[in-house]
N, C-alpha and C. Protein backbone atom coordinates (compact mmCIF):
# COMPACT_ATOMS: atom_id res chain seq x y z
N MET A 1 116.57 73.98 80.61
CA MET A 1 115.41 73.79 81.44
C MET A 1 115.27 74.98 82.38
N ALA A 2 114.11 75.62 82.41
CA ALA A 2 113.86 76.78 83.25
C ALA A 2 113.63 76.35 84.70
N VAL A 3 114.16 77.13 85.61
CA VAL A 3 113.93 76.90 87.03
C VAL A 3 112.84 77.85 87.49
N HIS A 4 111.83 77.31 88.14
CA HIS A 4 110.73 78.15 88.63
C HIS A 4 110.91 78.39 90.11
N TRP A 5 110.85 79.65 90.50
CA TRP A 5 111.02 80.06 91.88
C TRP A 5 109.65 80.27 92.48
N LYS A 6 109.28 79.48 93.46
CA LYS A 6 107.97 79.62 94.10
C LYS A 6 108.15 79.54 95.59
N THR A 7 107.42 80.39 96.30
CA THR A 7 107.44 80.34 97.75
C THR A 7 106.11 80.82 98.30
N CYS A 8 105.80 80.37 99.48
CA CYS A 8 104.62 80.83 100.20
C CYS A 8 105.12 81.53 101.45
N VAL A 9 104.65 82.74 101.67
CA VAL A 9 105.08 83.54 102.81
C VAL A 9 103.92 83.68 103.77
N GLN A 10 104.18 83.38 105.03
CA GLN A 10 103.18 83.50 106.10
C GLN A 10 103.40 84.82 106.85
N GLY A 11 102.39 85.23 107.63
CA GLY A 11 102.54 86.37 108.52
C GLY A 11 102.50 87.72 107.85
N ILE A 12 101.87 87.80 106.72
CA ILE A 12 101.74 89.07 106.02
C ILE A 12 100.72 89.92 106.76
N MET A 13 101.02 91.19 106.96
CA MET A 13 100.16 92.05 107.78
C MET A 13 99.24 92.95 106.98
N GLU A 14 99.69 93.52 105.87
CA GLU A 14 98.92 94.51 105.12
C GLU A 14 98.07 93.92 104.01
N SER A 15 98.23 92.66 103.75
CA SER A 15 97.46 92.01 102.70
C SER A 15 96.08 91.62 103.21
N VAL A 16 95.18 91.43 102.28
CA VAL A 16 93.85 90.93 102.63
C VAL A 16 93.97 89.55 103.27
N PHE A 17 94.95 88.76 102.83
CA PHE A 17 95.16 87.41 103.33
C PHE A 17 96.44 87.36 104.16
N SER A 18 96.55 86.40 105.08
CA SER A 18 97.72 86.32 105.96
C SER A 18 98.89 85.57 105.34
N SER A 19 98.69 84.98 104.16
CA SER A 19 99.79 84.34 103.46
C SER A 19 99.56 84.50 101.95
N ALA A 20 100.63 84.36 101.20
CA ALA A 20 100.53 84.51 99.74
C ALA A 20 101.64 83.70 99.09
N LYS A 21 101.37 83.23 97.87
CA LYS A 21 102.37 82.51 97.07
C LYS A 21 102.91 83.46 96.01
N PHE A 22 104.18 83.32 95.73
CA PHE A 22 104.83 84.17 94.75
C PHE A 22 105.54 83.31 93.72
N ASP A 23 105.49 83.75 92.46
CA ASP A 23 106.09 83.01 91.36
C ASP A 23 107.51 83.45 91.05
N SER A 24 107.94 84.55 91.66
CA SER A 24 109.28 85.05 91.36
C SER A 24 109.79 85.88 92.53
N LEU A 25 111.10 86.02 92.60
CA LEU A 25 111.71 86.86 93.63
C LEU A 25 111.25 88.32 93.50
N PRO A 26 111.16 88.91 92.30
CA PRO A 26 110.65 90.29 92.21
C PRO A 26 109.23 90.45 92.75
N GLU A 27 108.37 89.45 92.58
CA GLU A 27 107.03 89.52 93.16
C GLU A 27 107.11 89.54 94.69
N LEU A 28 107.96 88.69 95.26
CA LEU A 28 108.15 88.68 96.70
C LEU A 28 108.71 90.02 97.18
N LEU A 29 109.67 90.56 96.45
CA LEU A 29 110.22 91.86 96.82
C LEU A 29 109.15 92.94 96.79
N LEU A 30 108.28 92.91 95.77
CA LEU A 30 107.21 93.90 95.72
C LEU A 30 106.27 93.73 96.91
N ALA A 31 105.96 92.51 97.29
CA ALA A 31 105.12 92.29 98.47
C ALA A 31 105.77 92.90 99.71
N ARG A 32 107.07 92.75 99.84
CA ARG A 32 107.80 93.37 100.97
C ARG A 32 107.70 94.89 100.92
N VAL A 33 107.80 95.46 99.72
CA VAL A 33 107.65 96.91 99.54
C VAL A 33 106.24 97.33 99.98
N LEU A 34 105.23 96.59 99.54
CA LEU A 34 103.85 96.91 99.88
C LEU A 34 103.61 96.82 101.38
N GLU A 35 104.24 95.85 102.02
CA GLU A 35 104.08 95.65 103.46
C GLU A 35 104.61 96.83 104.27
N LYS A 36 105.70 97.42 103.82
CA LYS A 36 106.33 98.49 104.62
C LYS A 36 105.92 99.90 104.19
N ASP A 37 105.19 100.02 103.09
CA ASP A 37 104.85 101.34 102.55
C ASP A 37 103.63 101.92 103.25
N ALA A 38 103.81 103.07 103.89
CA ALA A 38 102.73 103.72 104.64
C ALA A 38 101.58 104.16 103.74
N ASP A 39 101.83 104.35 102.44
CA ASP A 39 100.77 104.77 101.51
C ASP A 39 99.85 103.62 101.12
N VAL A 40 100.26 102.39 101.37
CA VAL A 40 99.47 101.22 100.99
C VAL A 40 98.51 100.87 102.13
N ILE A 41 97.20 100.89 101.81
CA ILE A 41 96.20 100.50 102.79
C ILE A 41 96.14 98.99 102.88
N THR A 42 96.02 98.34 101.73
CA THR A 42 95.99 96.89 101.67
C THR A 42 96.36 96.43 100.27
N TRP A 43 96.64 95.14 100.15
CA TRP A 43 96.97 94.56 98.85
C TRP A 43 96.58 93.09 98.87
N LEU A 44 96.51 92.50 97.68
CA LEU A 44 96.24 91.08 97.59
C LEU A 44 96.80 90.49 96.31
N ARG A 45 96.95 89.18 96.34
CA ARG A 45 97.30 88.41 95.15
C ARG A 45 95.97 87.81 94.69
N PRO A 46 95.40 88.31 93.59
CA PRO A 46 94.07 87.84 93.17
C PRO A 46 94.05 86.35 92.82
N GLY A 47 92.89 85.76 93.08
CA GLY A 47 92.66 84.37 92.69
C GLY A 47 92.25 84.28 91.24
N GLN A 48 92.12 83.07 90.76
CA GLN A 48 91.80 82.80 89.35
C GLN A 48 90.55 83.52 88.86
N ASN A 49 89.53 83.64 89.66
CA ASN A 49 88.25 84.18 89.18
C ASN A 49 87.87 85.51 89.80
N GLU A 50 88.84 86.24 90.32
CA GLU A 50 88.53 87.51 90.97
C GLU A 50 88.29 88.65 89.98
N PHE A 51 88.87 88.55 88.79
CA PHE A 51 88.71 89.57 87.77
C PHE A 51 88.25 88.93 86.47
N ASN A 52 87.43 89.64 85.76
CA ASN A 52 86.98 89.16 84.46
C ASN A 52 87.69 89.96 83.37
N ILE A 53 88.98 89.69 83.23
CA ILE A 53 89.79 90.34 82.21
C ILE A 53 90.24 89.25 81.24
N THR A 54 89.81 89.37 80.01
CA THR A 54 90.19 88.36 79.02
C THR A 54 91.00 89.01 77.91
N TYR A 55 91.81 88.19 77.26
CA TYR A 55 92.65 88.64 76.15
C TYR A 55 92.78 87.48 75.17
N ASN A 56 93.21 87.77 73.96
CA ASN A 56 93.47 86.74 72.94
C ASN A 56 92.39 85.65 72.89
N ARG A 57 91.22 86.07 72.48
CA ARG A 57 90.11 85.13 72.26
C ARG A 57 89.69 84.36 73.50
N GLY A 58 89.51 85.10 74.60
CA GLY A 58 88.92 84.50 75.79
C GLY A 58 89.88 83.93 76.82
N ARG A 59 91.18 84.07 76.62
CA ARG A 59 92.12 83.64 77.65
C ARG A 59 91.97 84.54 78.87
N HIS A 60 92.09 83.97 80.05
CA HIS A 60 91.83 84.68 81.29
C HIS A 60 93.13 85.26 81.87
N TYR A 61 93.12 86.54 82.20
CA TYR A 61 94.28 87.22 82.77
C TYR A 61 94.09 87.39 84.27
N VAL A 62 95.04 86.91 85.06
CA VAL A 62 95.04 87.09 86.50
C VAL A 62 96.22 88.00 86.85
N PRO A 63 95.95 89.21 87.31
CA PRO A 63 97.04 90.13 87.66
C PRO A 63 97.88 89.60 88.82
N ASP A 64 99.10 90.10 88.94
CA ASP A 64 99.98 89.70 90.04
C ASP A 64 99.49 90.27 91.38
N PHE A 65 99.08 91.54 91.38
CA PHE A 65 98.68 92.20 92.62
C PHE A 65 97.52 93.16 92.36
N VAL A 66 96.75 93.41 93.40
CA VAL A 66 95.84 94.54 93.46
C VAL A 66 96.24 95.30 94.72
N VAL A 67 96.43 96.60 94.59
CA VAL A 67 96.92 97.43 95.68
C VAL A 67 95.94 98.58 95.89
N GLU A 68 95.61 98.84 97.15
CA GLU A 68 94.77 99.98 97.48
C GLU A 68 95.58 101.02 98.24
N THR A 69 95.49 102.26 97.78
CA THR A 69 96.05 103.40 98.50
C THR A 69 94.90 104.34 98.84
N GLU A 70 95.19 105.41 99.49
CA GLU A 70 94.15 106.37 99.85
C GLU A 70 93.41 106.89 98.62
N GLN A 71 94.12 107.07 97.53
CA GLN A 71 93.55 107.69 96.34
C GLN A 71 93.10 106.72 95.25
N TYR A 72 93.79 105.58 95.10
CA TYR A 72 93.54 104.70 93.95
C TYR A 72 93.52 103.23 94.34
N PHE A 73 92.95 102.44 93.41
CA PHE A 73 93.17 100.99 93.35
C PHE A 73 94.08 100.77 92.17
N TYR A 74 95.05 99.88 92.32
CA TYR A 74 95.99 99.57 91.25
C TYR A 74 95.95 98.08 90.93
N ILE A 75 95.94 97.77 89.65
CA ILE A 75 96.24 96.42 89.19
C ILE A 75 97.71 96.47 88.80
N VAL A 76 98.50 95.55 89.37
CA VAL A 76 99.95 95.61 89.20
C VAL A 76 100.46 94.29 88.63
N GLU A 77 101.29 94.42 87.62
CA GLU A 77 101.96 93.28 87.00
C GLU A 77 103.47 93.48 87.12
N VAL A 78 104.18 92.44 87.53
CA VAL A 78 105.64 92.45 87.57
C VAL A 78 106.09 91.41 86.54
N LYS A 79 106.95 91.83 85.64
CA LYS A 79 107.33 90.92 84.55
C LYS A 79 108.82 91.06 84.26
N GLY A 80 109.46 89.93 83.97
CA GLY A 80 110.86 89.92 83.61
C GLY A 80 111.11 90.66 82.31
N GLU A 81 112.27 91.25 82.20
CA GLU A 81 112.61 92.04 81.02
C GLU A 81 112.57 91.22 79.74
N ASP A 82 112.79 89.92 79.85
CA ASP A 82 112.75 89.06 78.67
C ASP A 82 111.33 88.89 78.13
N LYS A 83 110.33 89.31 78.89
CA LYS A 83 108.92 89.15 78.48
C LYS A 83 108.26 90.47 78.07
N LEU A 84 108.97 91.57 78.12
CA LEU A 84 108.37 92.89 77.90
C LEU A 84 107.75 93.04 76.52
N ASN A 85 108.27 92.37 75.52
CA ASN A 85 107.74 92.48 74.16
C ASN A 85 106.95 91.25 73.72
N ASP A 86 106.65 90.37 74.66
CA ASP A 86 105.87 89.17 74.39
C ASP A 86 104.44 89.54 74.00
N ALA A 87 103.92 88.92 72.95
CA ALA A 87 102.58 89.27 72.45
C ALA A 87 101.49 89.08 73.50
N ASP A 88 101.57 88.00 74.29
CA ASP A 88 100.56 87.78 75.33
C ASP A 88 100.65 88.84 76.42
N VAL A 89 101.86 89.21 76.79
CA VAL A 89 102.06 90.24 77.83
C VAL A 89 101.48 91.57 77.34
N ILE A 90 101.72 91.91 76.10
CA ILE A 90 101.20 93.15 75.52
C ILE A 90 99.67 93.10 75.46
N ALA A 91 99.10 91.96 75.09
CA ALA A 91 97.64 91.82 75.03
C ALA A 91 97.02 91.93 76.42
N LYS A 92 97.65 91.34 77.43
CA LYS A 92 97.15 91.45 78.81
C LYS A 92 97.17 92.90 79.26
N GLU A 93 98.27 93.58 78.98
CA GLU A 93 98.40 94.98 79.37
C GLU A 93 97.29 95.83 78.75
N LYS A 94 97.05 95.64 77.47
CA LYS A 94 96.03 96.40 76.76
C LYS A 94 94.66 96.19 77.41
N GLN A 95 94.33 94.93 77.71
CA GLN A 95 93.03 94.63 78.30
C GLN A 95 92.94 95.12 79.74
N ALA A 96 94.03 95.06 80.49
CA ALA A 96 94.03 95.56 81.87
C ALA A 96 93.83 97.07 81.90
N VAL A 97 94.46 97.77 80.98
CA VAL A 97 94.27 99.23 80.89
C VAL A 97 92.81 99.54 80.58
N LYS A 98 92.22 98.82 79.64
CA LYS A 98 90.81 99.02 79.30
C LYS A 98 89.92 98.72 80.51
N TYR A 99 90.21 97.63 81.21
CA TYR A 99 89.45 97.27 82.41
C TYR A 99 89.50 98.42 83.43
N CYS A 100 90.68 98.94 83.68
CA CYS A 100 90.83 100.04 84.64
C CYS A 100 90.05 101.28 84.19
N GLU A 101 90.08 101.58 82.91
CA GLU A 101 89.32 102.71 82.39
C GLU A 101 87.81 102.50 82.59
N ASP A 102 87.32 101.30 82.28
CA ASP A 102 85.90 101.01 82.42
C ASP A 102 85.46 101.07 83.88
N VAL A 103 86.24 100.46 84.77
CA VAL A 103 85.90 100.47 86.19
C VAL A 103 86.00 101.88 86.75
N SER A 104 86.99 102.64 86.29
CA SER A 104 87.14 104.02 86.76
C SER A 104 85.96 104.90 86.33
N ASP A 105 85.42 104.67 85.12
CA ASP A 105 84.23 105.40 84.69
C ASP A 105 83.08 105.16 85.65
N TRP A 106 82.87 103.88 86.01
CA TRP A 106 81.82 103.54 86.97
C TRP A 106 82.14 104.15 88.33
N SER A 107 83.41 104.05 88.75
CA SER A 107 83.83 104.56 90.06
C SER A 107 83.60 106.06 90.16
N TYR A 108 83.91 106.78 89.10
CA TYR A 108 83.73 108.23 89.09
C TYR A 108 82.26 108.58 89.32
N LYS A 109 81.38 107.89 88.62
CA LYS A 109 79.95 108.15 88.76
C LYS A 109 79.43 107.76 90.13
N SER A 110 80.09 106.81 90.77
CA SER A 110 79.66 106.33 92.08
C SER A 110 80.46 106.95 93.22
N HIS A 111 81.32 107.92 92.88
CA HIS A 111 82.16 108.61 93.87
C HIS A 111 83.09 107.63 94.60
N LYS A 112 83.67 106.73 93.85
CA LYS A 112 84.62 105.74 94.37
C LYS A 112 86.01 106.03 93.82
N LYS A 113 86.98 105.25 94.25
CA LYS A 113 88.36 105.44 93.82
C LYS A 113 88.57 105.02 92.37
N GLU A 114 89.47 105.74 91.71
CA GLU A 114 89.88 105.42 90.34
C GLU A 114 90.78 104.18 90.36
N TRP A 115 90.77 103.43 89.24
CA TRP A 115 91.63 102.27 89.05
C TRP A 115 92.73 102.61 88.06
N ARG A 116 93.92 102.12 88.33
CA ARG A 116 95.07 102.34 87.45
C ARG A 116 95.82 101.03 87.24
N TYR A 117 96.51 100.95 86.10
CA TYR A 117 97.31 99.76 85.78
C TYR A 117 98.79 100.13 85.83
N VAL A 118 99.56 99.29 86.53
CA VAL A 118 100.99 99.52 86.68
C VAL A 118 101.72 98.25 86.22
N PHE A 119 102.65 98.43 85.29
CA PHE A 119 103.44 97.34 84.74
C PHE A 119 104.90 97.59 85.09
N ILE A 120 105.44 96.78 86.01
CA ILE A 120 106.78 97.03 86.54
C ILE A 120 107.76 95.98 86.02
N PRO A 121 108.80 96.41 85.30
CA PRO A 121 109.86 95.46 84.92
C PRO A 121 110.53 94.91 86.19
N SER A 122 110.78 93.64 86.21
CA SER A 122 111.21 92.98 87.45
C SER A 122 112.48 93.55 88.07
N THR A 123 113.43 93.99 87.27
CA THR A 123 114.67 94.53 87.84
C THR A 123 114.49 95.89 88.50
N LYS A 124 113.35 96.51 88.29
CA LYS A 124 113.09 97.83 88.88
C LYS A 124 112.51 97.73 90.29
N VAL A 125 112.14 96.53 90.72
CA VAL A 125 111.62 96.33 92.07
C VAL A 125 112.81 96.09 93.00
N GLN A 126 113.01 97.02 93.91
CA GLN A 126 114.08 96.93 94.90
C GLN A 126 113.46 97.01 96.29
N ILE A 127 114.08 96.39 97.26
CA ILE A 127 113.52 96.35 98.61
C ILE A 127 113.36 97.75 99.20
N ASN A 128 114.17 98.71 98.75
CA ASN A 128 114.06 100.07 99.26
C ASN A 128 113.15 100.95 98.39
N SER A 129 112.44 100.36 97.43
CA SER A 129 111.50 101.11 96.59
C SER A 129 110.31 101.56 97.42
N SER A 130 109.63 102.59 96.93
CA SER A 130 108.33 102.94 97.50
C SER A 130 107.30 102.59 96.43
N PHE A 131 106.13 102.13 96.86
CA PHE A 131 105.11 101.78 95.88
C PHE A 131 104.69 103.01 95.10
N ASN A 132 104.54 104.14 95.76
CA ASN A 132 104.11 105.37 95.10
C ASN A 132 105.07 105.74 93.96
N THR A 133 106.36 105.61 94.20
CA THR A 133 107.35 105.92 93.17
C THR A 133 107.25 104.94 92.01
N LEU A 134 107.13 103.65 92.32
CA LEU A 134 106.97 102.65 91.27
C LEU A 134 105.69 102.89 90.46
N ALA A 135 104.60 103.20 91.15
CA ALA A 135 103.32 103.42 90.48
C ALA A 135 103.39 104.62 89.54
N LYS A 136 103.98 105.69 90.00
CA LYS A 136 104.10 106.88 89.15
C LYS A 136 104.99 106.61 87.94
N ARG A 137 106.07 105.89 88.16
CA ARG A 137 107.03 105.65 87.08
C ARG A 137 106.52 104.66 86.04
N PHE A 138 105.73 103.66 86.47
CA PHE A 138 105.36 102.58 85.56
C PHE A 138 103.87 102.47 85.28
N MET A 139 103.11 103.50 85.62
CA MET A 139 101.68 103.47 85.32
C MET A 139 101.49 103.48 83.80
N VAL A 140 100.57 102.65 83.33
CA VAL A 140 100.30 102.54 81.89
C VAL A 140 98.94 103.16 81.62
N THR A 141 98.89 104.02 80.62
CA THR A 141 97.63 104.61 80.21
C THR A 141 97.26 104.06 78.84
N LYS A 142 96.15 104.51 78.34
CA LYS A 142 95.64 104.00 77.05
C LYS A 142 96.73 103.97 76.00
N ASN A 143 96.84 102.81 75.35
CA ASN A 143 97.89 102.61 74.31
C ASN A 143 97.48 103.25 73.01
């Protein structure tokens, strides 16, 4: 039987919202990284209907995080190593990359920030990480 780790954290300062729920310890650790990183302007845990990203015949994908820096918007997914080759995870990644490309095309024409997709294996999130380093290392481009 799998144990699910869930917590709600209050008093968040850099997020769009003052509290957030996390499904895993690595997600909470990433939120802590985002909170202390000077390069992060703001971040959020998207709600069910904030993005229209679908995969596998209309299933709805909700990213773990959206992060804004001075230069980019990032859609960020944190996933356990046991899920890295999962067909649904791969399908979500493919659609998220396409979404970022499409939004970035519009953003470029409108003189707005580019969007990027970052897929971080959960063991790579450490409390002393910087978001910029994680984003550079785990950014996903067209497959």
